[in-house]
């Protein structure tokens, strides 16, 4: 039995594993997602995993323009989203006190 370990097939396997790992936060939110903080954290996790997947695909295709988009998403994309989630959580804590 021959196993193809060329860089293309290894990266294709990594992309497939990343797509499957995208489903984990969605399952957690679906099962236990009553809190807005948990929902926003799951979406932030999906965004980060998608950005890493974009970087892997950029390396696979040797497309540096796509890689720049992945880096921009990783460096800027989740900061405002997580700040908003933290503000919403704090407002909820003050209302309950």
PDB file of N, CA and C in Angstrom:
ATOM      1  N   UNK A   1       0.840  -1.178   0.000  1.00  0.00           N
ATOM      2  CA  UNK A   1       0.000   0.000   0.000  1.00  0.00           C
ATOM      3  C   UNK A   1       0.884   1.240   0.000  1.00  0.00           C
ATOM      4  N   UNK A   2       0.717   2.064  -1.012  1.00  0.00           N
ATOM      5  CA  UNK A   2       1.502   3.286  -1.118  1.00  0.00           C
ATOM      6  C   UNK A   2       0.708   4.462  -0.583  1.00  0.00           C
ATOM      7  N   UNK A   3       1.343   5.215   0.277  1.00  0.00           N
ATOM      8  CA  UNK A   3       0.729   6.426   0.810  1.00  0.00           C
ATOM      9  C   UNK A   3       1.414   7.607   0.154  1.00  0.00           C
ATOM     10  N   UNK A   4       0.612   8.464  -0.462  1.00  0.00           N
ATOM     11  CA  UNK A   4       1.140   9.637  -1.151  1.00  0.00           C
ATOM     12  C   UNK A   4       1.427  10.736  -0.126  1.00  0.00           C
ATOM     13  N   UNK A   5       2.692  11.047   0.070  1.00  0.00           N
ATOM     14  CA  UNK A   5       3.084  12.065   1.035  1.00  0.00           C
ATOM     15  C   UNK A   5       3.645  13.303   0.341  1.00  0.00           C
ATOM     16  N   UNK A   6       3.163  13.565  -0.858  1.00  0.00           N
ATOM     17  CA  UNK A   6       3.598  14.782  -1.539  1.00  0.00           C
ATOM     18  C   UNK A   6       3.024  15.993  -0.810  1.00  0.00           C
ATOM     19  N   UNK A   7       3.672  17.137  -0.918  1.00  0.00           N
ATOM     20  CA  UNK A   7       3.183  18.319  -0.199  1.00  0.00           C
ATOM     21  C   UNK A   7       1.746  18.690  -0.547  1.00  0.00           C
ATOM     22  N   UNK A   8       1.359  18.477  -1.763  1.00  0.00           N
ATOM     23  CA  UNK A   8      -0.006  18.809  -2.169  1.00  0.00           C
ATOM     24  C   UNK A   8      -1.029  17.937  -1.449  1.00  0.00           C
ATOM     25  N   UNK A   9      -0.773  16.646  -1.359  1.00  0.00           N
ATOM     26  CA  UNK A   9      -1.743  15.764  -0.706  1.00  0.00           C
ATOM     27  C   UNK A   9      -1.760  15.980   0.813  1.00  0.00           C
ATOM     28  N   UNK A  10      -0.616  16.298   1.399  1.00  0.00           N
ATOM     29  CA  UNK A  10      -0.570  16.564   2.834  1.00  0.00           C
ATOM     30  C   UNK A  10      -1.347  17.833   3.153  1.00  0.00           C
ATOM     31  N   UNK A  11      -1.173  18.881   2.333  1.00  0.00           N
ATOM     32  CA  UNK A  11      -1.899  20.126   2.564  1.00  0.00           C
ATOM     33  C   UNK A  11      -3.395  19.950   2.303  1.00  0.00           C
ATOM     34  N   UNK A  12      -3.755  19.114   1.338  1.00  0.00           N
ATOM     35  CA  UNK A  12      -5.178  18.833   1.121  1.00  0.00           C
ATOM     36  C   UNK A  12      -5.785  18.136   2.338  1.00  0.00           C
ATOM     37  N   UNK A  13      -5.044  17.222   2.938  1.00  0.00           N
ATOM     38  CA  UNK A  13      -5.520  16.574   4.157  1.00  0.00           C
ATOM     39  C   UNK A  13      -5.663  17.579   5.294  1.00  0.00           C
ATOM     40  N   UNK A  14      -4.709  18.511   5.402  1.00  0.00           N
ATOM     41  CA  UNK A  14      -4.778  19.541   6.454  1.00  0.00           C
ATOM     42  C   UNK A  14      -6.000  20.430   6.261  1.00  0.00           C
ATOM     43  N   UNK A  15      -6.305  20.800   5.033  1.00  0.00           N
ATOM     44  CA  UNK A  15      -7.483  21.627   4.772  1.00  0.00           C
ATOM     45  C   UNK A  15      -8.752  20.862   5.138  1.00  0.00           C
ATOM     46  N   UNK A  16      -8.804  19.586   4.821  1.00  0.00           N
ATOM     47  CA  UNK A  16      -9.961  18.776   5.202  1.00  0.00           C
ATOM     48  C   UNK A  16     -10.122  18.682   6.707  1.00  0.00           C
ATOM     49  N   UNK A  17      -9.007  18.518   7.428  1.00  0.00           N
ATOM     50  CA  UNK A  17      -9.068  18.477   8.894  1.00  0.00           C
ATOM     51  C   UNK A  17      -9.505  19.823   9.461  1.00  0.00           C
ATOM     52  N   UNK A  18      -9.082  20.909   8.823  1.00  0.00           N
ATOM     53  CA  UNK A  18      -9.493  22.239   9.281  1.00  0.00           C
ATOM     54  C   UNK A  18     -10.982  22.477   9.073  1.00  0.00           C
ATOM     55  N   UNK A  19     -11.499  21.997   7.969  1.00  0.00           N
ATOM     56  CA  UNK A  19     -12.941  22.144   7.723  1.00  0.00           C
ATOM     57  C   UNK A  19     -13.731  21.378   8.781  1.00  0.00           C
ATOM     58  N   UNK A  20     -13.268  20.209   9.132  1.00  0.00           N
ATOM     59  CA  UNK A  20     -13.942  19.439  10.176  1.00  0.00           C
ATOM     60  C   UNK A  20     -13.823  20.142  11.525  1.00  0.00           C
ATOM     61  N   UNK A  21     -12.664  20.747  11.788  1.00  0.00           N
ATOM     62  CA  UNK A  21     -12.500  21.451  13.065  1.00  0.00           C
ATOM     63  C   UNK A  21     -13.353  22.714  13.148  1.00  0.00           C
ATOM     64  N   UNK A  22     -13.806  23.232  12.022  1.00  0.00           N
ATOM     65  CA  UNK A  22     -14.722  24.377  12.037  1.00  0.00           C
ATOM     66  C   UNK A  22     -16.070  24.006  12.646  1.00  0.00           C
ATOM     67  N   UNK A  23     -16.420  22.749  12.583  1.00  0.00           N
ATOM     68  CA  UNK A  23     -17.725  22.322  13.075  1.00  0.00           C
ATOM     69  C   UNK A  23     -17.785  22.197  14.596  1.00  0.00           C
ATOM     70  N   UNK A  24     -16.640  22.109  15.264  1.00  0.00           N
ATOM     71  CA  UNK A  24     -16.624  21.924  16.716  1.00  0.00           C
ATOM     72  C   UNK A  24     -17.248  23.104  17.460  1.00  0.00           C
ATOM     73  N   UNK A  25     -16.862  24.365  17.178  1.00  0.00           N
ATOM     74  CA  UNK A  25     -17.520  25.478  17.886  1.00  0.00           C
ATOM     75  C   UNK A  25     -19.004  25.596  17.562  1.00  0.00           C
ATOM     76  N   UNK A  26     -19.382  25.266  16.336  1.00  0.00           N
ATOM     77  CA  UNK A  26     -20.804  25.312  15.991  1.00  0.00           C
ATOM     78  C   UNK A  26     -21.597  24.298  16.804  1.00  0.00           C
ATOM     79  N   UNK A  27     -21.030  23.121  17.005  1.00  0.00           N
ATOM     80  CA  UNK A  27     -21.698  22.111  17.814  1.00  0.00           C
ATOM     81  C   UNK A  27     -21.817  22.558  19.265  1.00  0.00           C
ATOM     82  N   UNK A  28     -20.757  23.155  19.803  1.00  0.00           N
ATOM     83  CA  UNK A  28     -20.789  23.625  21.182  1.00  0.00           C
ATOM     84  C   UNK A  28     -21.861  24.693  21.387  1.00  0.00           C
ATOM     85  N   UNK A  29     -21.967  25.616  20.446  1.00  0.00           N
ATOM     86  CA  UNK A  29     -22.979  26.676  20.565  1.00  0.00           C
ATOM     87  C   UNK A  29     -24.372  26.089  20.414  1.00  0.00           C
ATOM     88  N   UNK A  30     -24.520  25.148  19.511  1.00  0.00           N
ATOM     89  CA  UNK A  30     -25.828  24.535  19.307  1.00  0.00           C
ATOM     90  C   UNK A  30     -26.253  23.765  20.553  1.00  0.00           C
ATOM     91  N   UNK A  31     -25.310  23.120  21.213  1.00  0.00           N
ATOM     92  CA  UNK A  31     -25.632  22.293  22.356  1.00  0.00           C
ATOM     93  C   UNK A  31     -25.759  23.110  23.650  1.00  0.00           C
ATOM     94  N   UNK A  32     -24.843  24.061  23.856  1.00  0.00           N
ATOM     95  CA  UNK A  32     -24.790  24.768  25.136  1.00  0.00           C
ATOM     96  C   UNK A  32     -24.843  26.281  24.980  1.00  0.00           C
ATOM     97  N   UNK A  33     -25.339  26.787  23.878  1.00  0.00           N
ATOM     98  CA  UNK A  33     -25.220  28.207  23.578  1.00  0.00           C
ATOM     99  C   UNK A  33     -26.345  29.077  24.084  1.00  0.00           C
ATOM    100  N   UNK A  34     -26.462  29.255  25.385  1.00  0.00           N
ATOM    101  CA  UNK A  34     -27.467  30.155  25.932  1.00  0.00           C
ATOM    102  C   UNK A  34     -26.904  31.543  26.184  1.00  0.00           C
ATOM    103  N   UNK A  35     -25.603  31.653  26.312  1.00  0.00           N
ATOM    104  CA  UNK A  35     -24.952  32.911  26.645  1.00  0.00           C
ATOM    105  C   UNK A  35     -24.436  33.571  25.373  1.00  0.00           C
ATOM    106  N   UNK A  36     -24.612  34.887  25.265  1.00  0.00           N
ATOM    107  CA  UNK A  36     -24.143  35.617  24.083  1.00  0.00           C
ATOM    108  C   UNK A  36     -22.633  35.568  23.991  1.00  0.00           C
ATOM    109  N   UNK A  37     -21.943  35.519  25.140  1.00  0.00           N
ATOM    110  CA  UNK A  37     -20.488  35.441  25.140  1.00  0.00           C
ATOM    111  C   UNK A  37     -20.013  34.164  24.465  1.00  0.00           C
ATOM    112  N   UNK A  38     -20.657  33.051  24.752  1.00  0.00           N
ATOM    113  CA  UNK A  38     -20.278  31.777  24.144  1.00  0.00           C
ATOM    114  C   UNK A  38     -20.513  31.789  22.632  1.00  0.00           C
ATOM    115  N   UNK A  39     -21.612  32.377  22.212  1.00  0.00           N
ATOM    116  CA  UNK A  39     -21.921  32.432  20.785  1.00  0.00           C
ATOM    117  C   UNK A  39     -20.892  33.278  20.046  1.00  0.00           C
ATOM    118  N   UNK A  40     -20.579  34.442  20.586  1.00  0.00           N
ATOM    119  CA  UNK A  40     -19.615  35.316  19.923  1.00  0.00           C
ATOM    120  C   UNK A  40     -18.210  34.719  19.957  1.00  0.00           C
ATOM    121  N   UNK A  41     -17.877  34.031  21.014  1.00  0.00           N
ATOM    122  CA  UNK A  41     -16.582  33.366  21.089  1.00  0.00           C
ATOM    123  C   UNK A  41     -16.481  32.256  20.040  1.00  0.00           C
ATOM    124  N   UNK A  42     -17.564  31.546  19.818  1.00  0.00           N
ATOM    125  CA  UNK A  42     -17.565  30.495  18.797  1.00  0.00           C
ATOM    126  C   UNK A  42     -17.393  31.089  17.409  1.00  0.00           C
ATOM    127  N   UNK A  43     -18.068  32.188  17.127  1.00  0.00           N
ATOM    128  CA  UNK A  43     -17.918  32.819  15.815  1.00  0.00           C
ATOM    129  C   UNK A  43     -16.516  33.387  15.631  1.00  0.00           C
ATOM    130  N   UNK A  44     -15.919  33.881  16.698  1.00  0.00           N
ATOM    131  CA  UNK A  44     -14.545  34.365  16.624  1.00  0.00           C
ATOM    132  C   UNK A  44     -13.585  33.212  16.345  1.00  0.00           C
ATOM    133  N   UNK A  45     -13.838  32.081  16.957  1.00  0.00           N
ATOM    134  CA  UNK A  45     -13.013  30.906  16.715  1.00  0.00           C
ATOM    135  C   UNK A  45     -13.127  30.449  15.266  1.00  0.00           C
ATOM    136  N   UNK A  46     -14.324  30.500  14.735  1.00  0.00           N
ATOM    137  CA  UNK A  46     -14.535  30.121  13.336  1.00  0.00           C
ATOM    138  C   UNK A  46     -13.791  31.075  12.416  1.00  0.00           C
ATOM    139  N   UNK A  47     -13.802  32.367  12.734  1.00  0.00           N
ATOM    140  CA  UNK A  47     -13.100  33.345  11.907  1.00  0.00           C
ATOM    141  C   UNK A  47     -11.597  33.100  11.923  1.00  0.00           C
ATOM    142  N   UNK A  48     -11.052  32.792  13.090  1.00  0.00           N
ATOM    143  CA  UNK A  48      -9.613  32.533  13.176  1.00  0.00           C
ATOM    144  C   UNK A  48      -9.238  31.265  12.416  1.00  0.00           C
ATOM    145  N   UNK A  49     -10.044  30.228  12.559  1.00  0.00           N
ATOM    146  CA  UNK A  49      -9.760  28.985  11.837  1.00  0.00           C
ATOM    147  C   UNK A  49      -9.902  29.175  10.336  1.00  0.00           C
ATOM    148  N   UNK A  50     -10.859  29.983   9.919  1.00  0.00           N
ATOM    149  CA  UNK A  50     -11.016  30.258   8.491  1.00  0.00           C
ATOM    150  C   UNK A  50      -9.817  31.017   7.949  1.00  0.00           C
ATOM    151  N   UNK A  51      -9.282  31.949   8.732  1.00  0.00           N
ATOM    152  CA  UNK A  51      -8.108  32.703   8.291  1.00  0.00           C
ATOM    153  C   UNK A  51      -6.892  31.791   8.150  1.00  0.00           C
ATOM    154  N   UNK A  52      -6.711  30.874   9.082  1.00  0.00           N
ATOM    155  CA  UNK A  52      -5.602  29.927   8.977  1.00  0.00           C
ATOM    156  C   UNK A  52      -5.808  29.019   7.769  1.00  0.00           C
ATOM    157  N   UNK A  53      -7.048  28.628   7.512  1.00  0.00           N
ATOM    158  CA  UNK A  53      -7.335  27.805   6.346  1.00  0.00           C
ATOM    159  C   UNK A  53      -7.037  28.573   5.056  1.00  0.00           C
ATOM    160  N   UNK A  54      -7.337  29.870   5.046  1.00  0.00           N
ATOM    161  CA  UNK A  54      -7.004  30.699   3.885  1.00  0.00           C
ATOM    162  C   UNK A  54      -5.495  30.726   3.669  1.00  0.00           C
ATOM    163  N   UNK A  55      -4.726  30.817   4.755  1.00  0.00           N
ATOM    164  CA  UNK A  55      -3.266  30.812   4.628  1.00  0.00           C
ATOM    165  C   UNK A  55      -2.746  29.486   4.081  1.00  0.00           C
ATOM    166  N   UNK A  56      -3.328  28.382   4.524  1.00  0.00           N
ATOM    167  CA  UNK A  56      -2.896  27.078   4.021  1.00  0.00           C
ATOM    168  C   UNK A  56      -3.224  26.946   2.537  1.00  0.00           C
ATOM    169  N   UNK A  57      -4.402  27.398   2.148  1.00  0.00           N
ATOM    170  CA  UNK A  57      -4.777  27.343   0.732  1.00  0.00           C
ATOM    171  C   UNK A  57      -3.889  28.260  -0.098  1.00  0.00           C
ATOM    172  N   UNK A  58      -3.505  29.413   0.469  1.00  0.00           N
ATOM    173  CA  UNK A  58      -2.606  30.325  -0.241  1.00  0.00           C
ATOM    174  C   UNK A  58      -1.241  29.679  -0.489  1.00  0.00           C
ATOM    175  N   UNK A  59      -0.743  28.937   0.499  1.00  0.00           N
ATOM    176  CA  UNK A  59       0.522  28.233   0.311  1.00  0.00           C
ATOM    177  C   UNK A  59       0.350  27.102  -0.698  1.00  0.00           C
ATOM    178  N   UNK A  60      -0.771  26.410  -0.617  1.00  0.00           N
ATOM    179  CA  UNK A  60      -1.044  25.300  -1.537  1.00  0.00           C
ATOM    180  C   UNK A  60      -1.101  25.773  -2.983  1.00  0.00           C
ATOM    181  N   UNK A  61      -1.725  26.927  -3.209  1.00  0.00           N
ATOM    182  CA  UNK A  61      -1.866  27.459  -4.567  1.00  0.00           C
ATOM    183  C   UNK A  61      -0.725  28.378  -4.967  1.00  0.00           C
ATOM    184  N   UNK A  62       0.182  28.673  -4.030  1.00  0.00           N
ATOM    185  CA  UNK A  62       1.271  29.623  -4.247  1.00  0.00           C
ATOM    186  C   UNK A  62       0.725  30.986  -4.675  1.00  0.00           C
ATOM    187  N   UNK A  63      -0.285  31.436  -3.942  1.00  0.00           N
ATOM    188  CA  UNK A  63      -0.971  32.696  -4.228  1.00  0.00           C
ATOM    189  C   UNK A  63      -0.770  33.626  -3.036  1.00  0.00           C
ATOM    190  N   UNK A  64       0.153  34.575  -3.168  1.00  0.00           N
ATOM    191  CA  UNK A  64       0.495  35.436  -2.045  1.00  0.00           C
ATOM    192  C   UNK A  64      -0.545  36.514  -1.797  1.00  0.00           C
ATOM    193  N   UNK A  65      -1.345  36.857  -2.796  1.00  0.00           N
ATOM    194  CA  UNK A  65      -2.417  37.835  -2.573  1.00  0.00           C
ATOM    195  C   UNK A  65      -3.450  37.259  -1.606  1.00  0.00           C
ATOM    196  N   UNK A  66      -3.769  36.011  -1.781  1.00  0.00           N
ATOM    197  CA  UNK A  66      -4.682  35.337  -0.865  1.00  0.00           C
ATOM    198  C   UNK A  66      -4.068  35.219   0.529  1.00  0.00           C
ATOM    199  N   UNK A  67      -2.772  35.005   0.590  1.00  0.00           N
ATOM    200  CA  UNK A  67      -2.084  34.942   1.877  1.00  0.00           C
ATOM    201  C   UNK A  67      -2.137  36.264   2.627  1.00  0.00           C
ATOM    202  N   UNK A  68      -2.034  37.368   1.901  1.00  0.00           N
ATOM    203  CA  UNK A  68      -2.126  38.684   2.539  1.00  0.00           C
ATOM    204  C   UNK A  68      -3.515  38.889   3.133  1.00  0.00           C
ATOM    205  N   UNK A  69      -4.534  38.435   2.441  1.00  0.00           N
ATOM    206  CA  UNK A  69      -5.900  38.532   2.970  1.00  0.00           C
ATOM    207  C   UNK A  69      -6.030  37.725   4.256  1.00  0.00           C
ATOM    208  N   UNK A  70      -5.461  36.532   4.291  1.00  0.00           N
ATOM    209  CA  UNK A  70      -5.497  35.717   5.502  1.00  0.00           C
ATOM    210  C   UNK A  70      -4.774  36.371   6.666  1.00  0.00           C
ATOM    211  N   UNK A  71      -3.650  37.010   6.403  1.00  0.00           N
ATOM    212  CA  UNK A  71      -2.905  37.696   7.460  1.00  0.00           C
ATOM    213  C   UNK A  71      -3.694  38.891   7.982  1.00  0.00           C
ATOM    214  N   UNK A  72      -4.334  39.636   7.093  1.00  0.00           N
ATOM    215  CA  UNK A  72      -5.138  40.780   7.525  1.00  0.00           C
ATOM    216  C   UNK A  72      -6.308  40.311   8.382  1.00  0.00           C
ATOM    217  N   UNK A  73      -6.956  39.241   7.992  1.00  0.00           N
ATOM    218  CA  UNK A  73      -8.069  38.712   8.787  1.00  0.00           C
ATOM    219  C   UNK A  73      -7.577  38.270  10.159  1.00  0.00           C
ATOM    220  N   UNK A  74      -6.413  37.620  10.211  1.00  0.00           N
ATOM    221  CA  UNK A  74      -5.881  37.169  11.500  1.00  0.00           C
ATOM    222  C   UNK A  74      -5.480  38.328  12.399  1.00  0.00           C
ATOM    223  N   UNK A  75      -4.892  39.357  11.826  1.00  0.00           N
ATOM    224  CA  UNK A  75      -4.361  40.430  12.664  1.00  0.00           C
ATOM    225  C   UNK A  75      -5.405  41.449  13.080  1.00  0.00           C
ATOM    226  N   UNK A  76      -6.425  41.686  12.281  1.00  0.00           N
ATOM    227  CA  UNK A  76      -7.382  42.747  12.571  1.00  0.00           C
ATOM    228  C   UNK A  76      -8.786  42.225  12.820  1.00  0.00           C
ATOM    229  N   UNK A  77      -9.130  41.116  12.233  1.00  0.00           N
ATOM    230  CA  UNK A  77     -10.513  40.685  12.161  1.00  0.00           C
ATOM    231  C   UNK A  77     -11.259  40.482  13.459  1.00  0.00           C
ATOM    232  N   UNK A  78     -10.650  39.895  14.471  1.00  0.00           N
ATOM    233  CA  UNK A  78     -11.394  39.517  15.660  1.00  0.00           C
ATOM    234  C   UNK A  78     -11.310  40.520  16.797  1.00  0.00           C
ATOM    235  N   UNK A  79     -10.484  41.520  16.679  1.00  0.00           N
ATOM    236  CA  UNK A  79     -10.287  42.437  17.803  1.00  0.00           C
ATOM    237  C   UNK A  79     -11.568  43.183  18.150  1.00  0.00           C
ATOM    238  N   UNK A  80     -12.212  43.774  17.186  1.00  0.00           N
ATOM    239  CA  UNK A  80     -13.452  44.500  17.443  1.00  0.00           C
ATOM    240  C   UNK A  80     -14.581  43.588  17.866  1.00  0.00           C
ATOM    241  N   UNK A  81     -14.617  42.418  17.303  1.00  0.00           N
ATOM    242  CA  UNK A  81     -15.671  41.458  17.632  1.00  0.00           C
ATOM    243  C   UNK A  81     -15.560  41.000  19.085  1.00  0.00           C
ATOM    244  N   UNK A  82     -14.344  40.719  19.538  1.00  0.00           N
ATOM    245  CA  UNK A  82     -14.163  40.283  20.917  1.00  0.00           C
ATOM    246  C   UNK A  82     -14.382  41.433  21.894  1.00  0.00           C
ATOM    247  N   UNK A  83     -14.028  42.657  21.504  1.00  0.00           N
ATOM    248  CA  UNK A  83     -14.291  43.811  22.354  1.00  0.00           C
ATOM    249  C   UNK A  83     -15.791  44.012  22.532  1.00  0.00           C
ATOM    250  N   UNK A  84     -16.540  43.877  21.457  1.00  0.00           N
ATOM    251  CA  UNK A  84     -17.995  43.992  21.523  1.00  0.00           C
ATOM    252  C   UNK A  84     -18.588  42.910  22.429  1.00  0.00           C
ATOM    253  N   UNK A  85     -18.099  41.683  22.323  1.00  0.00           N
ATOM    254  CA  UNK A  85     -18.594  40.603  23.172  1.00  0.00           C
ATOM    255  C   UNK A  85     -18.300  40.882  24.637  1.00  0.00           C
ATOM    256  N   UNK A  86     -17.130  41.443  24.911  1.00  0.00           N
ATOM    257  CA  UNK A  86     -16.774  41.750  26.300  1.00  0.00           C
ATOM    258  C   UNK A  86     -17.662  42.872  26.850  1.00  0.00           C
ATOM    259  N   UNK A  87     -17.948  43.877  26.034  1.00  0.00           N
ATOM    260  CA  UNK A  87     -18.820  44.977  26.465  1.00  0.00           C
ATOM    261  C   UNK A  87     -20.232  44.465  26.734  1.00  0.00           C
ATOM    262  N   UNK A  88     -20.754  43.616  25.871  1.00  0.00           N
ATOM    263  CA  UNK A  88     -22.092  43.058  26.066  1.00  0.00           C
ATOM    264  C   UNK A  88     -22.136  42.221  27.341  1.00  0.00           C
ATOM    265  N   UNK A  89     -21.079  41.474  27.602  1.00  0.00           N
ATOM    266  CA  UNK A  89     -21.027  40.666  28.817  1.00  0.00           C
ATOM    267  C   UNK A  89     -20.996  41.539  30.064  1.00  0.00           C
ATOM    268  N   UNK A  90     -20.207  42.602  30.032  1.00  0.00           N
ATOM    269  CA  UNK A  90     -20.143  43.509  31.192  1.00  0.00           C
ATOM    270  C   UNK A  90     -21.475  44.212  31.442  1.00  0.00           C
ATOM    271  N   UNK A  91     -22.157  44.617  30.382  1.00  0.00           N
ATOM    272  CA  UNK A  91     -23.468  45.252  30.539  1.00  0.00           C
ATOM    273  C   UNK A  91     -24.442  44.272  31.188  1.00  0.00           C
ATOM    274  N   UNK A  92     -24.389  43.007  30.787  1.00  0.00           N
ATOM    275  CA  UNK A  92     -25.237  41.987  31.390  1.00  0.00           C
ATOM    276  C   UNK A  92     -24.916  41.758  32.852  1.00  0.00           C
ATOM    277  N   UNK A  93     -23.643  41.843  33.226  1.00  0.00           N
ATOM    278  CA  UNK A  93     -23.254  41.675  34.622  1.00  0.00           C
ATOM    279  C   UNK A  93     -23.767  42.846  35.473  1.00  0.00           C
ATOM    280  N   UNK A  94     -23.696  44.069  34.940  1.00  0.00           N
ATOM    281  CA  UNK A  94     -24.155  45.239  35.698  1.00  0.00           C
ATOM    282  C   UNK A  94     -25.682  45.240  35.849  1.00  0.00           C
ATOM    283  N   UNK A  95     -26.380  44.729  34.873  1.00  0.00           N
ATOM    284  CA  UNK A  95     -27.845  44.674  34.966  1.00  0.00           C
ATOM    285  C   UNK A  95     -28.289  43.648  36.007  1.00  0.00           C
ATOM    286  N   UNK A  96     -27.526  42.591  36.176  1.00  0.00           N
ATOM    287  CA  UNK A  96     -27.903  41.553  37.143  1.00  0.00           C
ATOM    288  C   UNK A  96     -27.577  41.942  38.581  1.00  0.00           C
ATOM    289  N   UNK A  97     -26.685  42.923  38.769  1.00  0.00           N
ATOM    290  CA  UNK A  97     -26.321  43.336  40.132  1.00  0.00           C
ATOM    291  C   UNK A  97     -27.314  44.248  40.759  1.00  0.00           C
TER     292      UNK A  97
END
